[in-house]
PDB file of N, CA and C in Angstrom:
ATOM      1  N   MET A   1       0.840  -1.186   0.000  1.00  0.00           N
ATOM      2  CA  MET A   1       0.000   0.000   0.000  1.00  0.00           C
ATOM      3  C   MET A   1       0.878   1.239   0.000  1.00  0.00           C
ATOM      4  N   ALA A   2       0.403   2.301  -0.580  1.00  0.00           N
ATOM      5  CA  ALA A   2       1.179   3.531  -0.707  1.00  0.00           C
ATOM      6  C   ALA A   2       1.449   4.152   0.649  1.00  0.00           C
ATOM      7  N   GLU A   3       2.612   4.753   0.757  1.00  0.00           N
ATOM      8  CA  GLU A   3       3.008   5.432   2.000  1.00  0.00           C
ATOM      9  C   GLU A   3       2.228   6.726   2.204  1.00  0.00           C
ATOM     10  N   HIS A   4       1.846   7.368   1.123  1.00  0.00           N
ATOM     11  CA  HIS A   4       1.127   8.633   1.210  1.00  0.00           C
ATOM     12  C   HIS A   4       0.075   8.713   0.116  1.00  0.00           C
ATOM     13  N   VAL A   5      -0.874   9.591   0.316  1.00  0.00           N
ATOM     14  CA  VAL A   5      -1.927   9.805  -0.664  1.00  0.00           C
ATOM     15  C   VAL A   5      -1.495  10.953  -1.576  1.00  0.00           C
ATOM     16  N   VAL A   6      -1.583  10.743  -2.876  1.00  0.00           N
ATOM     17  CA  VAL A   6      -1.239  11.791  -3.829  1.00  0.00           C
ATOM     18  C   VAL A   6      -2.316  12.865  -3.761  1.00  0.00           C
ATOM     19  N   PRO A   7      -1.928  14.129  -3.570  1.00  0.00           N
ATOM     20  CA  PRO A   7      -2.927  15.200  -3.501  1.00  0.00           C
ATOM     21  C   PRO A   7      -3.715  15.319  -4.813  1.00  0.00           C
ATOM     22  N   HIS A   8      -5.010  15.600  -4.687  1.00  0.00           N
ATOM     23  CA  HIS A   8      -5.892  15.794  -5.834  1.00  0.00           C
ATOM     24  C   HIS A   8      -6.422  17.224  -5.811  1.00  0.00           C
ATOM     25  N   PHE A   9      -6.458  17.840  -6.987  1.00  0.00           N
ATOM     26  CA  PHE A   9      -6.957  19.209  -7.101  1.00  0.00           C
ATOM     27  C   PHE A   9      -7.936  19.299  -8.253  1.00  0.00           C
ATOM     28  N   HIS A  10      -8.850  20.260  -8.170  1.00  0.00           N
ATOM     29  CA  HIS A  10      -9.849  20.487  -9.221  1.00  0.00           C
ATOM     30  C   HIS A  10      -9.932  21.978  -9.504  1.00  0.00           C
ATOM     31  N   ASN A  11     -10.557  22.315 -10.621  1.00  0.00           N
ATOM     32  CA  ASN A  11     -10.750  23.731 -10.961  1.00  0.00           C
ATOM     33  C   ASN A  11     -12.215  24.025 -11.206  1.00  0.00           C
ATOM     34  N   ASN A  12     -13.056  23.627 -10.286  1.00  0.00           N
ATOM     35  CA  ASN A  12     -14.488  23.915 -10.399  1.00  0.00           C
ATOM     36  C   ASN A  12     -14.769  25.411 -10.530  1.00  0.00           C
ATOM     37  N   PRO A  13     -14.019  26.280  -9.794  1.00  0.00           N
ATOM     38  CA  PRO A  13     -14.302  27.712  -9.910  1.00  0.00           C
ATOM     39  C   PRO A  13     -13.862  28.321 -11.244  1.00  0.00           C
ATOM     40  N   GLY A  14     -13.036  27.614 -12.019  1.00  0.00           N
ATOM     41  CA  GLY A  14     -12.601  28.131 -13.313  1.00  0.00           C
ATOM     42  C   GLY A  14     -11.545  29.224 -13.223  1.00  0.00           C
ATOM     43  N   VAL A  15     -10.690  29.161 -12.206  1.00  0.00           N
ATOM     44  CA  VAL A  15      -9.636  30.170 -12.052  1.00  0.00           C
ATOM     45  C   VAL A  15      -8.487  29.881 -13.015  1.00  0.00           C
ATOM     46  N   PRO A  16      -7.746  30.917 -13.436  1.00  0.00           N
ATOM     47  CA  PRO A  16      -6.658  30.688 -14.391  1.00  0.00           C
ATOM     48  C   PRO A  16      -5.430  30.005 -13.782  1.00  0.00           C
ATOM     49  N   VAL A  17      -5.180  30.223 -12.475  1.00  0.00           N
ATOM     50  CA  VAL A  17      -4.006  29.657 -11.808  1.00  0.00           C
ATOM     51  C   VAL A  17      -4.406  29.108 -10.448  1.00  0.00           C
ATOM     52  N   ILE A  18      -3.895  27.917 -10.116  1.00  0.00           N
ATOM     53  CA  ILE A  18      -4.081  27.339  -8.789  1.00  0.00           C
ATOM     54  C   ILE A  18      -2.698  27.130  -8.194  1.00  0.00           C
ATOM     55  N   GLU A  19      -2.464  27.733  -7.045  1.00  0.00           N
ATOM     56  CA  GLU A  19      -1.201  27.535  -6.339  1.00  0.00           C
ATOM     57  C   GLU A  19      -1.362  26.342  -5.419  1.00  0.00           C
ATOM     58  N   ILE A  20      -0.372  25.444  -5.428  1.00  0.00           N
ATOM     59  CA  ILE A  20      -0.458  24.218  -4.636  1.00  0.00           C
ATOM     60  C   ILE A  20       0.862  23.961  -3.914  1.00  0.00           C
ATOM     61  N   GLY A  21       0.804  23.139  -2.877  1.00  0.00           N
ATOM     62  CA  GLY A  21       1.980  22.824  -2.077  1.00  0.00           C
ATOM     63  C   GLY A  21       2.631  21.504  -2.441  1.00  0.00           C
ATOM     64  N   ALA A  22       2.347  20.970  -3.613  1.00  0.00           N
ATOM     65  CA  ALA A  22       2.922  19.686  -4.042  1.00  0.00           C
ATOM     66  C   ALA A  22       3.442  19.812  -5.463  1.00  0.00           C
ATOM     67  N   LYS A  23       4.481  19.064  -5.770  1.00  0.00           N
ATOM     68  CA  LYS A  23       4.994  19.036  -7.139  1.00  0.00           C
ATOM     69  C   LYS A  23       4.529  17.790  -7.880  1.00  0.00           C
ATOM     70  N   GLU A  24       4.013  16.806  -7.149  1.00  0.00           N
ATOM     71  CA  GLU A  24       3.424  15.606  -7.736  1.00  0.00           C
ATOM     72  C   GLU A  24       1.980  15.532  -7.247  1.00  0.00           C
ATOM     73  N   PHE A  25       1.031  15.492  -8.175  1.00  0.00           N
ATOM     74  CA  PHE A  25      -0.379  15.588  -7.798  1.00  0.00           C
ATOM     75  C   PHE A  25      -1.257  15.065  -8.925  1.00  0.00           C
ATOM     76  N   MET A  26      -2.555  15.006  -8.650  1.00  0.00           N
ATOM     77  CA  MET A  26      -3.545  14.618  -9.656  1.00  0.00           C
ATOM     78  C   MET A  26      -4.469  15.808  -9.929  1.00  0.00           C
ATOM     79  N   CYS A  27      -4.731  16.050 -11.210  1.00  0.00           N
ATOM     80  CA  CYS A  27      -5.742  17.024 -11.601  1.00  0.00           C
ATOM     81  C   CYS A  27      -6.965  16.229 -12.025  1.00  0.00           C
ATOM     82  N   VAL A  28      -8.121  16.610 -11.494  1.00  0.00           N
ATOM     83  CA  VAL A  28      -9.363  15.922 -11.849  1.00  0.00           C
ATOM     84  C   VAL A  28     -10.280  16.795 -12.702  1.00  0.00           C
ATOM     85  N   GLY A  29      -9.830  18.009 -13.027  1.00  0.00           N
ATOM     86  CA  GLY A  29     -10.654  18.926 -13.821  1.00  0.00           C
ATOM     87  C   GLY A  29     -11.661  19.616 -12.941  1.00  0.00           C
ATOM     88  N   ALA A  30     -12.925  19.230 -13.045  1.00  0.00           N
ATOM     89  CA  ALA A  30     -13.991  19.742 -12.180  1.00  0.00           C
ATOM     90  C   ALA A  30     -14.313  18.666 -11.151  1.00  0.00           C
ATOM     91  N   LYS A  31     -15.136  19.026 -10.191  1.00  0.00           N
ATOM     92  CA  LYS A  31     -15.555  18.033  -9.190  1.00  0.00           C
ATOM     93  C   LYS A  31     -16.407  16.959  -9.858  1.00  0.00           C
ATOM     94  N   PRO A  32     -16.266  15.716  -9.405  1.00  0.00           N
ATOM     95  CA  PRO A  32     -17.127  14.642  -9.926  1.00  0.00           C
ATOM     96  C   PRO A  32     -18.598  15.009  -9.726  1.00  0.00           C
ATOM     97  N   PRO A  33     -19.472  14.718 -10.634  1.00  0.00           N
ATOM     98  CA  PRO A  33     -19.332  13.787 -11.752  1.00  0.00           C
ATOM     99  C   PRO A  33     -18.869  14.447 -13.050  1.00  0.00           C
ATOM    100  N   PHE A  34     -18.415  15.704 -12.999  1.00  0.00           N
ATOM    101  CA  PHE A  34     -18.016  16.421 -14.204  1.00  0.00           C
ATOM    102  C   PHE A  34     -16.502  16.435 -14.396  1.00  0.00           C
ATOM    103  N   ASP A  35     -15.809  15.510 -13.745  1.00  0.00           N
ATOM    104  CA  ASP A  35     -14.356  15.459 -13.820  1.00  0.00           C
ATOM    105  C   ASP A  35     -13.874  14.875 -15.144  1.00  0.00           C
ATOM    106  N   HIS A  36     -12.620  15.203 -15.479  1.00  0.00           N
ATOM    107  CA  HIS A  36     -11.997  14.567 -16.643  1.00  0.00           C
ATOM    108  C   HIS A  36     -11.158  13.397 -16.128  1.00  0.00           C
ATOM    109  N   PRO A  37     -10.570  12.589 -17.003  1.00  0.00           N
ATOM    110  CA  PRO A  37      -9.706  11.509 -16.496  1.00  0.00           C
ATOM    111  C   PRO A  37      -8.661  12.088 -15.537  1.00  0.00           C
ATOM    112  N   HIS A  38      -8.468  11.424 -14.430  1.00  0.00           N
ATOM    113  CA  HIS A  38      -7.550  11.928 -13.415  1.00  0.00           C
ATOM    114  C   HIS A  38      -6.118  11.806 -13.928  1.00  0.00           C
ATOM    115  N   VAL A  39      -5.441  12.938 -14.024  1.00  0.00           N
ATOM    116  CA  VAL A  39      -4.119  13.018 -14.634  1.00  0.00           C
ATOM    117  C   VAL A  39      -3.061  13.222 -13.558  1.00  0.00           C
ATOM    118  N   PHE A  40      -2.059  12.319 -13.534  1.00  0.00           N
ATOM    119  CA  PHE A  40      -0.928  12.487 -12.630  1.00  0.00           C
ATOM    120  C   PHE A  40       0.034  13.474 -13.272  1.00  0.00           C
ATOM    121  N   ILE A  41       0.392  14.509 -12.526  1.00  0.00           N
ATOM    122  CA  ILE A  41       1.313  15.534 -13.021  1.00  0.00           C
ATOM    123  C   ILE A  41       2.500  15.605 -12.081  1.00  0.00           C
ATOM    124  N   ASP A  42       3.688  15.600 -12.656  1.00  0.00           N
ATOM    125  CA  ASP A  42       4.937  15.727 -11.903  1.00  0.00           C
ATOM    126  C   ASP A  42       5.666  16.940 -12.461  1.00  0.00           C
ATOM    127  N   MET A  43       5.831  17.976 -11.646  1.00  0.00           N
ATOM    128  CA  MET A  43       6.488  19.203 -12.087  1.00  0.00           C
ATOM    129  C   MET A  43       8.000  19.038 -12.249  1.00  0.00           C
ATOM    130  N   GLY A  44       8.567  18.014 -11.616  1.00  0.00           N
ATOM    131  CA  GLY A  44      10.014  17.827 -11.694  1.00  0.00           C
ATOM    132  C   GLY A  44      10.748  19.025 -11.121  1.00  0.00           C
ATOM    133  N   ASP A  45      11.668  19.585 -11.879  1.00  0.00           N
ATOM    134  CA  ASP A  45      12.453  20.740 -11.427  1.00  0.00           C
ATOM    135  C   ASP A  45      11.734  22.064 -11.660  1.00  0.00           C
ATOM    136  N   GLU A  46      10.618  22.022 -12.354  1.00  0.00           N
ATOM    137  CA  GLU A  46       9.873  23.250 -12.658  1.00  0.00           C
ATOM    138  C   GLU A  46       8.968  23.634 -11.488  1.00  0.00           C
ATOM    139  N   ASN A  47       8.442  24.847 -11.527  1.00  0.00           N
ATOM    140  CA  ASN A  47       7.525  25.329 -10.493  1.00  0.00           C
ATOM    141  C   ASN A  47       6.117  25.543 -11.029  1.00  0.00           C
ATOM    142  N   GLU A  48       5.893  25.195 -12.295  1.00  0.00           N
ATOM    143  CA  GLU A  48       4.576  25.319 -12.904  1.00  0.00           C
ATOM    144  C   GLU A  48       4.325  24.129 -13.827  1.00  0.00           C
ATOM    145  N   ALA A  49       3.054  23.778 -13.971  1.00  0.00           N
ATOM    146  CA  ALA A  49       2.654  22.730 -14.903  1.00  0.00           C
ATOM    147  C   ALA A  49       1.236  23.017 -15.368  1.00  0.00           C
ATOM    148  N   ILE A  50       0.944  22.638 -16.602  1.00  0.00           N
ATOM    149  CA  ILE A  50      -0.388  22.827 -17.178  1.00  0.00           C
ATOM    150  C   ILE A  50      -1.022  21.460 -17.387  1.00  0.00           C
ATOM    151  N   CYS A  51      -2.261  21.313 -16.933  1.00  0.00           N
ATOM    152  CA  CYS A  51      -2.985  20.066 -17.145  1.00  0.00           C
ATOM    153  C   CYS A  51      -3.292  19.917 -18.633  1.00  0.00           C
ATOM    154  N   PRO A  52      -2.950  18.765 -19.234  1.00  0.00           N
ATOM    155  CA  PRO A  52      -3.204  18.581 -20.663  1.00  0.00           C
ATOM    156  C   PRO A  52      -4.686  18.443 -21.016  1.00  0.00           C
ATOM    157  N   TYR A  53      -5.553  18.183 -20.046  1.00  0.00           N
ATOM    158  CA  TYR A  53      -6.988  18.053 -20.322  1.00  0.00           C
ATOM    159  C   TYR A  53      -7.730  19.375 -20.180  1.00  0.00           C
ATOM    160  N   CYS A  54      -7.547  20.055 -19.044  1.00  0.00           N
ATOM    161  CA  CYS A  54      -8.360  21.252 -18.775  1.00  0.00           C
ATOM    162  C   CYS A  54      -7.577  22.560 -18.893  1.00  0.00           C
ATOM    163  N   SER A  55      -6.280  22.465 -19.149  1.00  0.00           N
ATOM    164  CA  SER A  55      -5.401  23.631 -19.318  1.00  0.00           C
ATOM    165  C   SER A  55      -5.263  24.491 -18.068  1.00  0.00           C
ATOM    166  N   THR A  56      -5.575  23.941 -16.908  1.00  0.00           N
ATOM    167  CA  THR A  56      -5.352  24.678 -15.667  1.00  0.00           C
ATOM    168  C   THR A  56      -3.855  24.800 -15.429  1.00  0.00           C
ATOM    169  N   LEU A  57      -3.421  25.999 -15.070  1.00  0.00           N
ATOM    170  CA  LEU A  57      -2.027  26.231 -14.717  1.00  0.00           C
ATOM    171  C   LEU A  57      -1.880  26.030 -13.214  1.00  0.00           C
ATOM    172  N   TYR A  58      -1.024  25.096 -12.839  1.00  0.00           N
ATOM    173  CA  TYR A  58      -0.713  24.848 -11.430  1.00  0.00           C
ATOM    174  C   TYR A  58       0.646  25.443 -11.136  1.00  0.00           C
ATOM    175  N   ARG A  59       0.724  26.186 -10.030  1.00  0.00           N
ATOM    176  CA  ARG A  59       1.979  26.819  -9.629  1.00  0.00           C
ATOM    177  C   ARG A  59       2.351  26.341  -8.229  1.00  0.00           C
ATOM    178  N   TYR A  60       3.574  25.854  -8.070  1.00  0.00           N
ATOM    179  CA  TYR A  60       4.063  25.348  -6.794  1.00  0.00           C
ATOM    180  C   TYR A  60       4.370  26.491  -5.839  1.00  0.00           C
ATOM    181  N   ASP A  61       3.885  26.376  -4.612  1.00  0.00           N
ATOM    182  CA  ASP A  61       4.185  27.322  -3.529  1.00  0.00           C
ATOM    183  C   ASP A  61       4.648  26.503  -2.335  1.00  0.00           C
ATOM    184  N   PRO A  62       5.949  26.497  -2.029  1.00  0.00           N
ATOM    185  CA  PRO A  62       6.474  25.654  -0.950  1.00  0.00           C
ATOM    186  C   PRO A  62       5.949  26.026   0.435  1.00  0.00           C
ATOM    187  N   ARG A  63       5.317  27.168   0.569  1.00  0.00           N
ATOM    188  CA  ARG A  63       4.754  27.574   1.869  1.00  0.00           C
ATOM    189  C   ARG A  63       3.450  26.841   2.179  1.00  0.00           C
ATOM    190  N   LEU A  64       2.837  26.226   1.162  1.00  0.00           N
ATOM    191  CA  LEU A  64       1.575  25.514   1.355  1.00  0.00           C
ATOM    192  C   LEU A  64       1.823  24.056   1.724  1.00  0.00           C
ATOM    193  N   ASN A  65       0.914  23.488   2.493  1.00  0.00           N
ATOM    194  CA  ASN A  65       0.910  22.052   2.786  1.00  0.00           C
ATOM    195  C   ASN A  65       0.712  21.307   1.473  1.00  0.00           C
ATOM    196  N   ALA A  66       1.225  20.090   1.376  1.00  0.00           N
ATOM    197  CA  ALA A  66       1.132  19.311   0.134  1.00  0.00           C
ATOM    198  C   ALA A  66      -0.307  19.130  -0.356  1.00  0.00           C
ATOM    199  N   HIS A  67      -1.277  19.113   0.535  1.00  0.00           N
ATOM    200  CA  HIS A  67      -2.678  18.910   0.150  1.00  0.00           C
ATOM    201  C   HIS A  67      -3.469  20.213   0.115  1.00  0.00           C
ATOM    202  N   ALA A  68      -2.764  21.344   0.209  1.00  0.00           N
ATOM    203  CA  ALA A  68      -3.432  22.651   0.236  1.00  0.00           C
ATOM    204  C   ALA A  68      -3.338  23.333  -1.120  1.00  0.00           C
ATOM    205  N   ALA A  69      -4.306  24.211  -1.366  1.00  0.00           N
ATOM    206  CA  ALA A  69      -4.345  24.975  -2.616  1.00  0.00           C
ATOM    207  C   ALA A  69      -4.776  26.404  -2.320  1.00  0.00           C
ATOM    208  N   ARG A  70      -4.463  27.264  -3.252  1.00  0.00           N
ATOM    209  CA  ARG A  70      -4.935  28.646  -3.214  1.00  0.00           C
ATOM    210  C   ARG A  70      -5.532  28.921  -4.572  1.00  0.00           C
ATOM    211  N   PRO A  71      -6.828  29.058  -4.737  1.00  0.00           N
ATOM    212  CA  PRO A  71      -7.867  29.118  -3.721  1.00  0.00           C
ATOM    213  C   PRO A  71      -8.096  27.769  -3.037  1.00  0.00           C
ATOM    214  N   ALA A  72      -8.397  27.844  -1.759  1.00  0.00           N
ATOM    215  CA  ALA A  72      -8.507  26.660  -0.907  1.00  0.00           C
ATOM    216  C   ALA A  72      -9.550  25.658  -1.399  1.00  0.00           C
ATOM    217  N   GLU A  73     -10.625  26.129  -2.017  1.00  0.00           N
ATOM    218  CA  GLU A  73     -11.687  25.208  -2.450  1.00  0.00           C
ATOM    219  C   GLU A  73     -11.258  24.316  -3.618  1.00  0.00           C
ATOM    220  N   CYS A  74     -10.093  24.542  -4.200  1.00  0.00           N
ATOM    221  CA  CYS A  74      -9.604  23.716  -5.310  1.00  0.00           C
ATOM    222  C   CYS A  74      -8.903  22.439  -4.847  1.00  0.00           C
ATOM    223  N   ALA A  75      -8.706  22.278  -3.549  1.00  0.00           N
ATOM    224  CA  ALA A  75      -8.111  21.051  -3.008  1.00  0.00           C
ATOM    225  C   ALA A  75      -9.217  20.066  -2.692  1.00  0.00           C
ATOM    226  N   LEU A  76      -9.082  18.839  -3.184  1.00  0.00           N
ATOM    227  CA  LEU A  76     -10.047  17.785  -2.837  1.00  0.00           C
ATOM    228  C   LEU A  76      -9.601  17.144  -1.541  1.00  0.00           C
ATOM    229  N   PRO A  77     -10.510  16.931  -0.605  1.00  0.00           N
ATOM    230  CA  PRO A  77     -10.138  16.232   0.638  1.00  0.00           C
ATOM    231  C   PRO A  77      -9.625  14.825   0.314  1.00  0.00           C
ATOM    232  N   GLU A  78      -8.706  14.332   1.135  1.00  0.00           N
ATOM    233  CA  GLU A  78      -8.111  12.999   0.910  1.00  0.00           C
ATOM    234  C   GLU A  78      -9.172  11.914   0.813  1.00  0.00           C
ATOM    235  N   THR A  79     -10.222  12.006   1.598  1.00  0.00           N
ATOM    236  CA  THR A  79     -11.247  10.969   1.584  1.00  0.00           C
ATOM    237  C   THR A  79     -12.016  10.982   0.270  1.00  0.00           C
ATOM    238  N   ALA A  80     -12.203  12.159  -0.332  1.00  0.00           N
ATOM    239  CA  ALA A  80     -12.930  12.245  -1.599  1.00  0.00           C
ATOM    240  C   ALA A  80     -12.073  11.745  -2.752  1.00  0.00           C
ATOM    241  N   ALA A  81     -10.756  11.879  -2.636  1.00  0.00           N
ATOM    242  CA  ALA A  81      -9.858  11.475  -3.717  1.00  0.00           C
ATOM    243  C   ALA A  81      -9.568   9.984  -3.688  1.00  0.00           C
ATOM    244  N   ALA A  82      -9.760   9.342  -2.573  1.00  0.00           N
ATOM    245  CA  ALA A  82      -9.397   7.923  -2.441  1.00  0.00           C
ATOM    246  C   ALA A  82     -10.360   7.016  -3.161  1.00  0.00           C
TER     247      ALA A  82
END
């Protein structure tokens, strides 16, 4: 079993940029049932990544918790993502 849960984020509000505290995460697009295929994104050495499905720009902010986002409502709770 995995040691940690990969953070999941969505862009239900339709914002152009979501700041997150993780460099490896899943984008689900909008909240289910309107989500797109869940895409694993790894920023690697970069601080930004664009989801290939919904074109949301994710920007890494090391001050945030790995499961936190700005705006806060774009973070899916761990129980909802599991």
